[in-house]
C-alpha atoms as a PDB file:
ATOM      1  CA  ALA A   1      12.230  31.633   7.916  1.00  0.00           C
ATOM      2  CA  THR A   2      14.931  32.654  10.284  1.00  0.00           C
ATOM      3  CA  ASP A   3      17.361  35.534  10.117  1.00  0.00           C
ATOM      4  CA  ALA A   4      19.985  33.093   8.819  1.00  0.00           C
ATOM      5  CA  SER A   5      17.726  31.829   6.033  1.00  0.00           C
ATOM      6  CA  VAL A   6      16.918  35.386   4.999  1.00  0.00           C
ATOM      7  CA  ARG A   7      20.589  36.316   4.895  1.00  0.00           C
ATOM      8  CA  GLY A   8      21.229  33.164   2.886  1.00  0.00           C
ATOM      9  CA  ALA A   9      18.490  34.109   0.448  1.00  0.00           C
ATOM     10  CA  VAL A  10      19.886  37.607  -0.074  1.00  0.00           C
ATOM     11  CA  GLU A  11      23.289  36.607  -1.389  1.00  0.00           C
ATOM     12  CA  GLY A  12      24.712  38.526  -4.316  1.00  0.00           C
ATOM     13  CA  PRO A  13      25.670  42.195  -4.583  1.00  0.00           C
ATOM     14  CA  ALA A  14      22.493  43.061  -6.505  1.00  0.00           C
ATOM     15  CA  GLU A  15      20.279  41.450  -3.864  1.00  0.00           C
ATOM     16  CA  SER A  16      22.242  43.087  -1.064  1.00  0.00           C
ATOM     17  CA  SER A  17      21.928  46.456  -2.801  1.00  0.00           C
ATOM     18  CA  ARG A  18      18.141  45.999  -3.168  1.00  0.00           C
ATOM     19  CA  LEU A  19      17.875  45.154   0.523  1.00  0.00           C
ATOM     20  CA  GLU A  20      19.884  48.226   1.533  1.00  0.00           C
ATOM     21  CA  THR A  21      17.778  50.418  -0.785  1.00  0.00           C
ATOM     22  CA  PHE A  22      14.588  49.042   0.777  1.00  0.00           C
ATOM     23  CA  LYS A  23      15.922  49.703   4.287  1.00  0.00           C
ATOM     24  CA  ALA A  24      16.867  53.283   3.391  1.00  0.00           C
ATOM     25  CA  ARG A  25      13.434  53.941   1.881  1.00  0.00           C
ATOM     26  CA  LEU A  26      11.716  52.307   4.844  1.00  0.00           C
ATOM     27  CA  LEU A  27      13.672  54.513   7.252  1.00  0.00           C
ATOM     28  CA  ALA A  28      12.720  57.631   5.303  1.00  0.00           C
ATOM     29  CA  VAL A  29       9.027  56.759   5.667  1.00  0.00           C
ATOM     30  CA  VAL A  30       9.116  55.660   9.324  1.00  0.00           C
ATOM     31  CA  ALA A  31      11.409  58.480  10.494  1.00  0.00           C
ATOM     32  CA  ASP A  32       8.774  61.090   9.566  1.00  0.00           C
ATOM     33  CA  PHE A  33       6.737  60.017  12.584  1.00  0.00           C
ATOM     34  CA  GLY A  34       9.621  60.235  15.049  1.00  0.00           C
ATOM     35  CA  ASP A  35       8.987  59.005  18.586  1.00  0.00           C
ATOM     36  CA  LYS A  36       5.221  58.603  18.015  1.00  0.00           C
ATOM     37  CA  GLY A  37       5.754  55.497  15.922  1.00  0.00           C
ATOM     38  CA  PHE A  38       4.471  54.833  12.424  1.00  0.00           C
ATOM     39  CA  PRO A  39       1.264  52.761  12.104  1.00  0.00           C
ATOM     40  CA  ALA A  40       2.150  49.523  10.309  1.00  0.00           C
ATOM     41  CA  SER A  41      -1.225  49.461   8.569  1.00  0.00           C
ATOM     42  CA  LEU A  42      -0.312  52.639   6.656  1.00  0.00           C
ATOM     43  CA  LEU A  43       3.163  51.533   5.587  1.00  0.00           C
ATOM     44  CA  ARG A  44       2.419  50.116   2.127  1.00  0.00           C
ATOM     45  CA  ARG A  45       0.319  53.135   1.135  1.00  0.00           C
ATOM     46  CA  ARG A  46       2.790  55.712   2.481  1.00  0.00           C
ATOM     47  CA  TYR A  47       5.754  53.883   0.931  1.00  0.00           C
ATOM     48  CA  SER A  48       4.004  54.035  -2.463  1.00  0.00           C
ATOM     49  CA  GLN A  49       3.247  57.752  -2.001  1.00  0.00           C
ATOM     50  CA  VAL A  50       6.833  58.649  -1.122  1.00  0.00           C
ATOM     51  CA  TRP A  51       8.469  56.285  -3.643  1.00  0.00           C
ATOM     52  CA  LYS A  52       6.045  56.695  -6.551  1.00  0.00           C
ATOM     53  CA  ASP A  53       7.937  54.466  -8.994  1.00  0.00           C
ATOM     54  CA  CYS A  54       8.453  51.641  -6.494  1.00  0.00           C
ATOM     55  CA  GLU A  55       6.066  48.995  -5.261  1.00  0.00           C
ATOM     56  CA  PHE A  56       6.382  47.848  -1.662  1.00  0.00           C
ATOM     57  CA  PRO A  57       8.351  44.583  -1.885  1.00  0.00           C
ATOM     58  CA  GLY A  58       6.953  41.271  -0.750  1.00  0.00           C
ATOM     59  CA  PRO A  59       8.683  38.344   0.949  1.00  0.00           C
ATOM     60  CA  ALA A  60       9.616  36.747  -2.407  1.00  0.00           C
ATOM     61  CA  ASP A  61      11.612  39.887  -3.288  1.00  0.00           C
ATOM     62  CA  PHE A  62      13.933  38.973  -0.420  1.00  0.00           C
ATOM     63  CA  GLY A  63      14.126  35.271  -1.248  1.00  0.00           C
ATOM     64  CA  ILE A  64      11.575  34.223   1.371  1.00  0.00           C
ATOM     65  CA  THR A  65       9.503  31.416  -0.122  1.00  0.00           C
ATOM     66  CA  ARG A  66       7.153  30.717   2.776  1.00  0.00           C
ATOM     67  CA  LYS A  67       3.663  31.980   1.877  1.00  0.00           C
ATOM     68  CA  SER A  68       2.475  32.937   5.358  1.00  0.00           C
ATOM     69  CA  VAL A  69       4.877  35.828   6.032  1.00  0.00           C
ATOM     70  CA  GLY A  70       2.899  38.915   7.049  1.00  0.00           C
ATOM     71  CA  LEU A  71       4.085  42.504   7.035  1.00  0.00           C
ATOM     72  CA  VAL A  72       5.227  42.576  10.677  1.00  0.00           C
ATOM     73  CA  GLU A  73       7.191  39.345  10.330  1.00  0.00           C
ATOM     74  CA  LEU A  74       8.708  40.506   7.026  1.00  0.00           C
ATOM     75  CA  LEU A  75       9.924  43.727   8.622  1.00  0.00           C
ATOM     76  CA  ARG A  76      11.394  41.863  11.582  1.00  0.00           C
ATOM     77  CA  LEU A  77      13.197  39.422   9.284  1.00  0.00           C
ATOM     78  CA  VAL A  78      14.657  41.748   6.659  1.00  0.00           C
ATOM     79  CA  ALA A  79      14.782  45.133   8.406  1.00  0.00           C
ATOM     80  CA  GLY A  80      14.930  44.310  12.112  1.00  0.00           C
ATOM     81  CA  ASP A  81      18.293  46.031  12.315  1.00  0.00           C
ATOM     82  CA  VAL A  82      16.825  49.384  11.221  1.00  0.00           C
ATOM     83  CA  VAL A  83      13.217  49.353  12.476  1.00  0.00           C
ATOM     84  CA  ARG A  84      11.617  48.089  15.663  1.00  0.00           C
ATOM     85  CA  VAL A  85       8.070  46.736  15.534  1.00  0.00           C
ATOM     86  CA  GLU A  86       5.963  47.210  18.658  1.00  0.00           C
ATOM     87  CA  THR A  87       2.873  45.005  18.898  1.00  0.00           C
ATOM     88  CA  PHE A  88       0.051  45.271  21.415  1.00  0.00           C
ATOM     89  CA  THR A  89      -2.215  42.693  23.050  1.00  0.00           C
ATOM     90  CA  ASP A  90      -5.271  44.994  23.115  1.00  0.00           C
ATOM     91  CA  GLY A  91      -5.810  44.935  19.334  1.00  0.00           C
ATOM     92  CA  GLN A  92      -4.082  48.270  18.692  1.00  0.00           C
ATOM     93  CA  GLN A  93      -2.236  48.196  15.395  1.00  0.00           C
ATOM     94  CA  PRO A  94       1.538  47.627  15.480  1.00  0.00           C
ATOM     95  CA  LEU A  95       3.791  50.679  15.431  1.00  0.00           C
ATOM     96  CA  LEU A  96       7.164  51.022  13.713  1.00  0.00           C
ATOM     97  CA  TYR A  97      10.112  52.923  15.139  1.00  0.00           C
ATOM     98  CA  VAL A  98      13.544  53.747  13.758  1.00  0.00           C
ATOM     99  CA  VAL A  99      16.286  51.864  15.581  1.00  0.00           C
ATOM    100  CA  ARG A 100      18.751  54.432  16.816  1.00  0.00           C
ATOM    101  CA  ALA A 101      22.442  53.608  16.961  1.00  0.00           C
ATOM    102  CA  SER A 102      23.938  53.863  20.428  1.00  0.00           C
ATOM    103  CA  PRO A 103      25.932  57.043  20.887  1.00  0.00           C
ATOM    104  CA  VAL A 104      29.672  56.455  20.948  1.00  0.00           C
ATOM    105  CA  SER A 105      31.400  57.893  23.965  1.00  0.00           C
ATOM    106  CA  GLN A 106      34.895  59.342  23.881  1.00  0.00           C
ATOM    107  CA  GLU A 107      36.144  56.368  25.946  1.00  0.00           C
ATOM    108  CA  ASP A 108      34.910  53.939  23.272  1.00  0.00           C
ATOM    109  CA  VAL A 109      36.933  55.708  20.593  1.00  0.00           C
ATOM    110  CA  THR A 110      40.255  55.983  22.405  1.00  0.00           C
END
């Protein structure tokens, strides 16, 4: 799946609203860890603790039909605009970081 196919899969207002809700909840969980990064292996459990009535969504919830989409790839596809996934070659688990918007300077506004 590519970014375009994911956007194509999430079409209507209800789907778009679910995606935005997921991103907001994801940010609330990941932001708690600040600059240290949030361990990806703990995400599903922490998400369920913070959002008690909500299960962590799977690829099918976002219209992704390919079976082999793991957590890291899912996050990059559907939430890459709000979280950054850092992977390591030494076997260390991936870390998640909140993507910060660039500060707007006064020159950009005027």
